[in-house]
Structure formats: C-alpha cells, structure tokens
C-alpha cells in the first residue's frame, strides 16, 4: 500500500499518513511542485502547519523558496516545536521585514532577520507614475512627475536622498511657480499623495540577490503593513524574480508560496500584484518559477488563476461557496470526496493532482 500511495524517499516529500491506515506513510511527489499547487482550508484546519511541513521537506531537497507571509506565520520556521534551532537548515532560513512594520514579534525574537526596504530615489519617473496608477494617456501628469524628479536629482541637497514627501513638496513648489505650463502639477500631487500609504521606502534597496539565494528559504514578513504596502512589495519582488529567471541570471528553479492568496489575486482583480501572479500561474513553468497558492477563502480568489494549480491539498472546508470554488478548480475532486471535506479533522487533508498517483486522504 505504501508503494501504491507514496513516492520513494529520494523523490518524495513526507506529508503525513493515510487516514484509514495510520501506519502507511505518504510522500507526495517533489516533481508535483514543478507545476502549481493550491493549499486550501478554513481557519483552524491546519493549513499553516501543512505549509510549514512542505517548506521543511523542500529545504531538505535543496530548494530555493520565497514565502509571502502577511501574518508572520512562518517566521519561526528555523525552530522546532520547543523553540530549538533546527541545525540541519536553520541558517538557510532568512526573514525579511520592513522597518515600518508593526509585526507580531519583536526583532530580537526572530532568527536571521534582515531589513526589507526600497530606495525611493532609485525609481524613475515612469515607475513612480505607474505605482500611483497614472494612466499612460495622462501625459501632462506624467510630465509633472518627470520634471519634479529631474529637479530633485539635479539638486545637490537632495540628489539621491529624496523621499515621497519631498517629491510632493517639489510638485507643489513647481505648481506655485507655474513652471512648464504643459505639465499638470496639481493633478500629480493628488496622485502622489497615494505614495504616503506605501510605507516601505528607506535609504537603500534590499538587493534581490540577498532574497533570492540558491537553497535558501526567504520569508517576507509583511505583518503590520497596510494592504497597499504589502501589495507593492509582492509585485516588486515577484517581478524581479521572474525577470532574473527569464534572463537566466538566477539558474535555479524558484518555489514561491503566497499565503493569503485571495488578498493578492481577488476574483475581480484590481491589485498591483495581480498581473505578475497571473503571469507566473500561466507561464511560470516555462521559466522555472513554481507557484503555491495558500488560502482560506477560495471563493474570493480569481478562478482562472486557481484553476492553473494542477494539484490541491484541501483541508476542512464547510462554507458551500468555498466548496464550490474548489470543485470548479479541480478536475479530480469528485462528489464523494467533496462530501468528505466538512468532516475532516484538524490536520487531515485530501490531496489530488500531480502530487499523487491517485487522490489520497
């Protein structure tokens, strides 16, 4: 039975034991993660623990991992249940946090903590306009950003040191001077005020080479940041990862775990990170970026993106809307398995798709 339900140790990830035969170990296929995976459960069903087990198993196989962690659920991945460091791979788990974060845990509680910031003065005018949502057709507003940033960069006082507030001050200053009448400075100010909600900017940009290292798990602790800031970080980091893989500047495959995925790829779209996550979901396999979406609200996630996940690990779900979303996304989840979902206990799951030879509980 173990040979039937489980992959050999060298190509498997140990996830648990058969519900009906607790002595039978189940290893899911590591190659199943070279497609996309969804981990779905209602709150309290064991979702985060399941992800933690898989992260540990992937680390043992030498994977390169980036985890989007909005609630600091994985910042203690380097320690066991008793709080002891796991010497096997503790030094390969790095936690990145923005200084503006009012996270769940103090800095001195977390191992291997690094700063995650972005230098605002490194952004070119077009990037700034894109961040705040200025349409390409609003040429006068875009020109206002261009003129203001060029002025700041030519100033000996600010040059490479200005922040969003300094840019807003410069736009107001140029507006009062009536400079360059073909630029809409007052309109640009209205857009630029949105930058103040994105509280992730610092005096340096954390190099992507620190976050994306071979055989390392990088936990992006976004706890305590507002939605706009979290969304900006996810879009920025994932875009850079995809760019490096397309150019083959990072030669190893990358496994990306997105916790609270319904917040970044909601059913109706509208987030900054939506397009890059959709790109990874639809094309990521071609350039070696493999996605695992983790959510407790599958009914709120974009169905097209969820349907790109070839495997599902489904823990207890009782909400009928969420059950329907899961069934629509999975070709292998039949009526009988659907009926079992509400009755699963904490830590019990149904696994279907490329991860297993047959559906397994």
Protein backbone atom coordinates (compact mmCIF):
# COMPACT_ATOMS: atom_id res chain seq x y z
CA UNK A 1 0.00 0.00 0.00
CA UNK A 2 2.84 2.38 0.78
CA UNK A 3 4.37 1.78 -2.65
CA UNK A 4 0.98 2.50 -4.22
CA UNK A 5 0.14 5.68 -2.28
CA UNK A 6 3.62 7.04 -1.66
CA UNK A 7 6.63 8.11 -3.73
CA UNK A 8 10.12 6.82 -2.83
CA UNK A 9 12.05 8.87 -0.29
CA UNK A 10 14.51 10.28 -2.83
CA UNK A 11 11.73 11.81 -4.96
CA UNK A 12 9.07 12.35 -2.30
CA UNK A 13 8.13 14.89 0.35
CA UNK A 14 6.82 13.30 3.55
CA UNK A 15 3.49 14.98 4.34
CA UNK A 16 1.78 12.52 6.68
CA UNK A 17 -0.01 9.18 6.90
CA UNK A 18 -3.13 7.64 5.41
CA UNK A 19 -6.23 8.47 7.44
CA UNK A 20 -7.56 4.93 7.01
CA UNK A 21 -4.15 3.26 7.66
CA UNK A 22 -2.12 5.44 10.05
CA UNK A 23 0.97 3.23 9.66
CA UNK A 24 1.15 3.90 5.91
CA UNK A 25 3.47 6.85 5.23
CA UNK A 26 2.53 9.23 2.40
CA UNK A 27 5.21 11.01 0.40
CA UNK A 28 3.92 13.39 -2.26
CA UNK A 29 5.90 13.89 -5.47
CA UNK A 30 8.52 16.63 -5.39
CA UNK A 31 8.00 16.93 -9.15
CA UNK A 32 4.38 17.82 -8.44
CA UNK A 33 5.70 21.15 -7.17
CA UNK A 34 7.23 21.80 -10.56
CA UNK A 35 3.69 22.59 -11.53
CA UNK A 36 1.46 24.87 -9.46
CA UNK A 37 -0.23 23.85 -6.21
CA UNK A 38 -3.13 25.19 -4.14
CA UNK A 39 -3.40 24.61 -0.38
CA UNK A 40 -6.93 25.36 0.77
CA UNK A 41 -8.59 25.21 4.18
CA UNK A 42 -10.79 27.17 6.50
CA UNK A 43 -9.23 28.90 9.51
CA UNK A 44 -8.00 26.48 12.17
CA UNK A 45 -7.90 23.39 9.95
CA UNK A 46 -4.09 23.11 9.91
CA UNK A 47 -3.24 25.00 6.73
CA UNK A 48 -0.17 26.88 8.01
CA UNK A 49 1.24 23.78 9.68
CA UNK A 50 0.84 21.87 6.41
CA UNK A 51 2.73 24.59 4.55
CA UNK A 52 5.46 24.51 7.20
CA UNK A 53 5.92 20.76 6.75
CA UNK A 54 6.23 21.16 2.98
CA UNK A 55 8.71 24.03 3.32
CA UNK A 56 10.89 21.90 5.58
CA UNK A 57 10.76 18.99 3.14
CA UNK A 58 11.61 21.21 0.16
CA UNK A 59 14.54 22.71 2.08
CA UNK A 60 15.87 19.21 2.72
CA UNK A 61 15.79 18.66 -1.04
CA UNK A 62 17.81 21.87 -1.61
CA UNK A 63 15.02 24.06 -2.99
CA UNK A 64 15.15 27.83 -3.38
CA UNK A 65 11.99 29.25 -1.76
CA UNK A 66 10.32 32.65 -1.34
CA UNK A 67 7.34 32.86 1.03
CA UNK A 68 4.88 35.77 1.01
CA UNK A 69 3.85 35.86 4.68
CA UNK A 70 1.23 38.55 5.53
CA UNK A 71 0.69 37.38 9.13
CA UNK A 72 4.17 36.24 10.23
CA UNK A 73 3.04 32.61 10.30
CA UNK A 74 6.42 31.27 9.13
CA UNK A 75 9.00 33.48 10.86
CA UNK A 76 9.88 30.66 13.30
CA UNK A 77 10.39 28.04 10.60
CA UNK A 78 14.03 27.71 11.72
CA UNK A 79 12.92 26.33 15.12
CA UNK A 80 11.16 23.18 16.28
CA UNK A 81 8.03 23.00 18.44
CA UNK A 82 10.12 23.50 21.60
CA UNK A 83 11.80 26.62 20.23
CA UNK A 84 15.15 24.96 19.49
CA UNK A 85 17.03 25.83 16.31
CA UNK A 86 16.89 23.11 13.66
CA UNK A 87 20.60 22.87 12.87
CA UNK A 88 20.00 20.97 9.62
CA UNK A 89 18.75 24.07 7.81
CA UNK A 90 18.19 26.94 10.29
CA UNK A 91 20.93 29.07 8.72
CA UNK A 92 19.25 28.72 5.31
CA UNK A 93 16.03 30.39 6.52
CA UNK A 94 16.16 34.20 6.35
CA UNK A 95 13.33 36.51 7.44
CA UNK A 96 12.96 39.90 5.71
CA UNK A 97 10.90 42.65 7.33
CA UNK A 98 10.31 46.33 6.54
CA UNK A 99 11.26 48.72 9.38
CA UNK A 100 7.80 50.32 9.15
CA UNK A 101 6.17 47.02 10.05
CA UNK A 102 4.44 46.76 13.40
CA UNK A 103 4.78 42.99 13.19
CA UNK A 104 3.53 40.34 15.59
CA UNK A 105 7.01 39.69 17.02
CA UNK A 106 9.95 41.78 18.19
CA UNK A 107 13.08 41.86 16.08
CA UNK A 108 15.12 40.10 18.79
CA UNK A 109 12.68 37.16 18.81
CA UNK A 110 13.38 36.19 15.20
CA UNK A 111 16.46 34.38 13.87
CA UNK A 112 18.30 35.68 10.82
CA UNK A 113 16.23 38.86 10.47
CA UNK A 114 17.10 41.25 7.62
CA UNK A 115 15.74 44.63 6.56
CA UNK A 116 13.47 44.82 3.50
CA UNK A 117 13.36 48.33 2.04
CA UNK A 118 13.23 50.09 -1.31
CA UNK A 119 15.07 53.32 -2.05
CA UNK A 120 12.52 55.75 -3.43
CA UNK A 121 15.13 57.89 -5.19
CA UNK A 122 16.11 54.87 -7.34
CA UNK A 123 12.70 54.85 -9.05
CA UNK A 124 12.49 56.58 -12.41
CA UNK A 125 9.56 58.93 -13.17
CA UNK A 126 7.67 56.29 -15.13
CA UNK A 127 7.88 53.78 -12.27
CA UNK A 128 6.60 56.37 -9.79
CA UNK A 129 3.68 57.23 -12.08
CA UNK A 130 2.88 53.54 -12.52
CA UNK A 131 2.97 52.89 -8.77
CA UNK A 132 0.33 55.55 -8.09
CA UNK A 133 -1.82 54.46 -11.03
CA UNK A 134 -1.33 57.28 -13.55
CA UNK A 135 -2.65 56.15 -16.94
CA UNK A 136 -0.24 56.27 -19.89
CA UNK A 137 -2.67 58.68 -21.57
CA UNK A 138 -2.31 61.25 -18.76
CA UNK A 139 0.80 62.72 -20.37
CA UNK A 140 0.65 66.07 -18.54
CA UNK A 141 0.60 64.40 -15.13
CA UNK A 142 3.43 62.07 -16.14
CA UNK A 143 5.42 65.07 -17.34
CA UNK A 144 4.90 66.73 -13.95
CA UNK A 145 6.45 63.71 -12.23
CA UNK A 146 9.33 63.73 -14.72
CA UNK A 147 10.07 67.44 -14.21
CA UNK A 148 9.86 67.24 -10.41
CA UNK A 149 12.14 64.19 -10.17
CA UNK A 150 14.67 65.71 -12.57
CA UNK A 151 14.71 68.87 -10.42
CA UNK A 152 15.29 66.83 -7.26
CA UNK A 153 18.07 64.80 -8.88
CA UNK A 154 19.83 67.95 -10.10
CA UNK A 155 19.76 69.44 -6.60
CA UNK A 156 22.94 68.99 -4.58
CA UNK A 157 20.88 68.96 -1.38
CA UNK A 158 18.60 66.03 -2.33
CA UNK A 159 20.04 64.27 -5.38
CA UNK A 160 19.68 60.61 -4.28
CA UNK A 161 18.13 61.24 -0.88
CA UNK A 162 14.58 62.40 -1.54
CA UNK A 163 11.51 60.54 -0.29
CA UNK A 164 7.81 60.64 -1.31
CA UNK A 165 7.08 63.67 0.88
CA UNK A 166 9.96 65.59 -0.70
CA UNK A 167 8.56 64.77 -4.14
CA UNK A 168 5.13 66.07 -3.12
CA UNK A 169 6.74 69.28 -1.82
CA UNK A 170 8.56 69.71 -5.13
CA UNK A 171 5.37 69.21 -7.15
CA UNK A 172 3.59 71.84 -5.03
CA UNK A 173 6.54 74.19 -5.44
CA UNK A 174 6.54 73.84 -9.25
CA UNK A 175 2.77 74.28 -9.31
CA UNK A 176 3.03 77.58 -7.44
CA UNK A 177 5.81 78.76 -9.76
CA UNK A 178 3.66 77.95 -12.78
CA UNK A 179 6.62 76.16 -14.36
CA UNK A 180 6.19 74.32 -17.65
CA UNK A 181 2.55 75.02 -18.35
CA UNK A 182 2.10 71.77 -20.28
CA UNK A 183 2.59 69.75 -17.05
CA UNK A 184 -0.28 69.20 -14.62
CA UNK A 185 1.37 69.58 -11.21
CA UNK A 186 -1.79 69.85 -9.12
CA UNK A 187 -3.09 66.65 -10.68
CA UNK A 188 0.25 64.96 -10.00
CA UNK A 189 0.06 65.99 -6.34
CA UNK A 190 -3.30 64.23 -5.98
CA UNK A 191 -1.76 61.02 -7.30
CA UNK A 192 1.50 61.43 -5.37
CA UNK A 193 -0.39 61.52 -2.06
CA UNK A 194 -1.02 57.79 -2.58
CA UNK A 195 2.71 57.22 -2.06
CA UNK A 196 2.31 58.10 1.61
CA UNK A 197 0.20 54.95 2.07
CA UNK A 198 3.04 52.77 0.77
CA UNK A 199 5.27 52.74 3.83
CA UNK A 200 8.12 50.60 2.56
CA UNK A 201 10.66 53.14 1.36
CA UNK A 202 14.05 53.57 3.01
CA UNK A 203 17.53 54.86 2.26
CA UNK A 204 18.56 51.69 0.38
CA UNK A 205 17.03 48.96 -1.73
CA UNK A 206 17.46 45.45 -0.37
CA UNK A 207 19.30 43.65 -3.21
CA UNK A 208 17.31 40.86 -4.80
CA UNK A 209 20.49 38.79 -4.52
CA UNK A 210 20.01 38.76 -0.73
CA UNK A 211 16.45 37.50 -1.06
CA UNK A 212 16.97 35.05 -3.89
CA UNK A 213 19.82 32.72 -2.99
CA UNK A 214 20.20 29.08 -4.00
CA UNK A 215 19.00 26.57 -1.41
CA UNK A 216 17.62 29.37 0.82
CA UNK A 217 14.09 30.00 2.10
CA UNK A 218 13.34 33.73 2.29
CA UNK A 219 10.31 34.61 4.43
CA UNK A 220 8.90 38.04 3.55
CA UNK A 221 7.23 39.05 6.82
CA UNK A 222 4.60 41.61 5.77
CA UNK A 223 2.73 41.64 9.09
CA UNK A 224 1.85 45.09 10.36
CA UNK A 225 1.98 46.74 6.93
CA UNK A 226 -1.16 48.11 5.28
CA UNK A 227 -2.62 46.48 2.17
CA UNK A 228 -1.03 48.97 -0.25
CA UNK A 229 2.44 48.36 1.19
CA UNK A 230 2.07 44.58 1.12
CA UNK A 231 0.77 44.69 -2.43
CA UNK A 232 3.71 46.85 -3.57
CA UNK A 233 6.30 44.52 -2.03
CA UNK A 234 4.74 41.39 -3.56
CA UNK A 235 4.56 42.93 -7.04
CA UNK A 236 8.10 44.30 -6.84
CA UNK A 237 9.78 41.12 -5.55
CA UNK A 238 7.90 38.65 -7.78
CA UNK A 239 8.51 40.78 -10.87
CA UNK A 240 12.23 40.81 -10.13
CA UNK A 241 12.30 37.03 -9.61
CA UNK A 242 10.58 36.43 -12.95
CA UNK A 243 12.92 38.89 -14.67
CA UNK A 244 16.02 37.13 -13.32
CA UNK A 245 14.74 33.70 -14.34
CA UNK A 246 13.78 34.82 -17.85
CA UNK A 247 17.28 36.25 -18.33
CA UNK A 248 18.78 33.13 -16.73
CA UNK A 249 20.66 35.36 -14.28
CA UNK A 250 19.48 33.04 -11.50
CA UNK A 251 19.94 29.48 -12.79
CA UNK A 252 17.97 27.56 -10.15
CA UNK A 253 14.19 27.00 -10.12
CA UNK A 254 12.27 29.08 -7.58
CA UNK A 255 9.32 27.91 -5.47
CA UNK A 256 7.02 30.80 -4.49
CA UNK A 257 4.45 30.33 -1.70
CA UNK A 258 1.76 33.03 -1.46
CA UNK A 259 -0.13 32.92 1.83
CA UNK A 260 -3.50 34.73 1.96
CA UNK A 261 -3.54 34.49 -1.85
CA UNK A 262 -7.12 35.79 -2.11
CA UNK A 263 -5.85 39.20 -1.00
CA UNK A 264 -3.37 39.47 -3.87
CA UNK A 265 -5.36 37.80 -6.66
CA UNK A 266 -9.01 38.54 -5.75
CA UNK A 267 -11.80 37.38 -8.01
CA UNK A 268 -12.27 40.83 -9.58
CA UNK A 269 -8.54 41.73 -9.80
CA UNK A 270 -7.51 45.30 -9.08
CA UNK A 271 -4.32 44.75 -7.07
CA UNK A 272 -0.81 45.73 -8.19
CA UNK A 273 0.41 42.16 -7.76
CA UNK A 274 -2.45 40.56 -9.71
CA UNK A 275 -0.77 40.61 -13.13
CA UNK A 276 2.60 39.21 -12.04
CA UNK A 277 0.96 36.37 -10.10
CA UNK A 278 -1.25 35.61 -13.10
CA UNK A 279 1.85 35.60 -15.32
CA UNK A 280 3.54 33.09 -13.01
CA UNK A 281 0.38 30.96 -12.92
CA UNK A 282 0.01 30.85 -16.70
CA UNK A 283 3.65 30.96 -17.87
CA UNK A 284 5.84 30.38 -14.82
CA UNK A 285 6.64 26.76 -15.63
CA UNK A 286 8.42 27.88 -18.83
CA UNK A 287 10.99 29.87 -16.88
CA UNK A 288 11.14 27.82 -13.70
CA UNK A 289 9.04 29.77 -11.21
CA UNK A 290 6.58 27.45 -9.46
CA UNK A 291 3.64 28.79 -7.51
CA UNK A 292 1.85 27.53 -4.41
CA UNK A 293 -1.28 29.50 -3.52
CA UNK A 294 -2.46 29.24 0.09
CA UNK A 295 -5.92 30.49 1.02
CA UNK A 296 -8.80 30.05 3.44
CA UNK A 297 -11.24 31.79 1.07
CA UNK A 298 -11.10 30.04 -2.32
CA UNK A 299 -14.46 31.62 -3.18
CA UNK A 300 -12.77 35.03 -3.21
CA UNK A 301 -9.77 34.10 -5.33
CA UNK A 302 -9.64 34.56 -9.09
CA UNK A 303 -10.93 31.31 -10.57
CA UNK A 304 -8.72 31.43 -13.69
CA UNK A 305 -5.59 31.64 -11.54
CA UNK A 306 -6.79 28.99 -9.08
CA UNK A 307 -7.57 26.64 -11.97
CA UNK A 308 -3.91 26.80 -13.06
CA UNK A 309 -2.96 24.84 -9.94
CA UNK A 310 -2.55 21.24 -11.10
CA UNK A 311 -2.63 19.88 -7.55
CA UNK A 312 -4.68 20.71 -4.49
CA UNK A 313 -4.15 19.94 -0.82
CA UNK A 314 -7.58 20.52 0.69
CA UNK A 315 -8.18 20.52 4.41
CA UNK A 316 -11.52 21.05 6.14
CA UNK A 317 -13.95 23.38 4.32
CA UNK A 318 -17.57 23.88 5.40
CA UNK A 319 -18.57 27.05 3.51
CA UNK A 320 -20.65 25.99 0.44
CA UNK A 321 -19.32 28.87 -1.71
CA UNK A 322 -15.74 27.88 -0.95
CA UNK A 323 -16.52 24.21 -1.60
CA UNK A 324 -17.96 25.15 -4.99
CA UNK A 325 -14.88 27.20 -5.90
CA UNK A 326 -12.62 24.27 -5.01
CA UNK A 327 -14.66 21.82 -7.08
CA UNK A 328 -14.64 24.12 -10.11
CA UNK A 329 -10.85 24.45 -9.86
CA UNK A 330 -10.15 20.72 -9.52
CA UNK A 331 -10.96 18.19 -12.20
CA UNK A 332 -10.14 15.25 -9.91
CA UNK A 333 -12.25 16.19 -6.90
CA UNK A 334 -15.39 14.11 -7.34
CA UNK A 335 -18.70 14.27 -5.47
CA UNK A 336 -17.69 11.63 -2.92
CA UNK A 337 -14.52 13.48 -1.96
CA UNK A 338 -16.43 16.76 -1.81
CA UNK A 339 -18.80 15.23 0.74
CA UNK A 340 -15.82 14.34 2.92
CA UNK A 341 -14.48 17.91 3.21
CA UNK A 342 -16.70 19.15 6.10
CA UNK A 343 -15.92 16.04 8.13
CA UNK A 344 -12.14 16.30 8.05
CA UNK A 345 -10.44 16.83 11.40
CA UNK A 346 -7.64 19.33 12.05
CA UNK A 347 -4.59 18.27 10.09
CA UNK A 348 -6.47 15.92 7.75
CA UNK A 349 -6.49 16.62 4.02
CA UNK A 350 -7.48 15.34 0.62
CA UNK A 351 -4.66 15.54 -1.92
CA UNK A 352 -5.38 15.41 -5.64
CA UNK A 353 -3.47 16.17 -8.83
CA UNK A 354 0.16 15.88 -9.93
CA UNK A 355 1.37 15.47 -6.33
CA UNK A 356 -0.10 11.97 -6.08
CA UNK A 357 -0.72 8.95 -8.31
CA UNK A 358 -4.32 8.76 -7.08
CA UNK A 359 -6.41 11.00 -4.83
CA UNK A 360 -5.34 10.32 -1.24
CA UNK A 361 -6.65 11.23 2.21
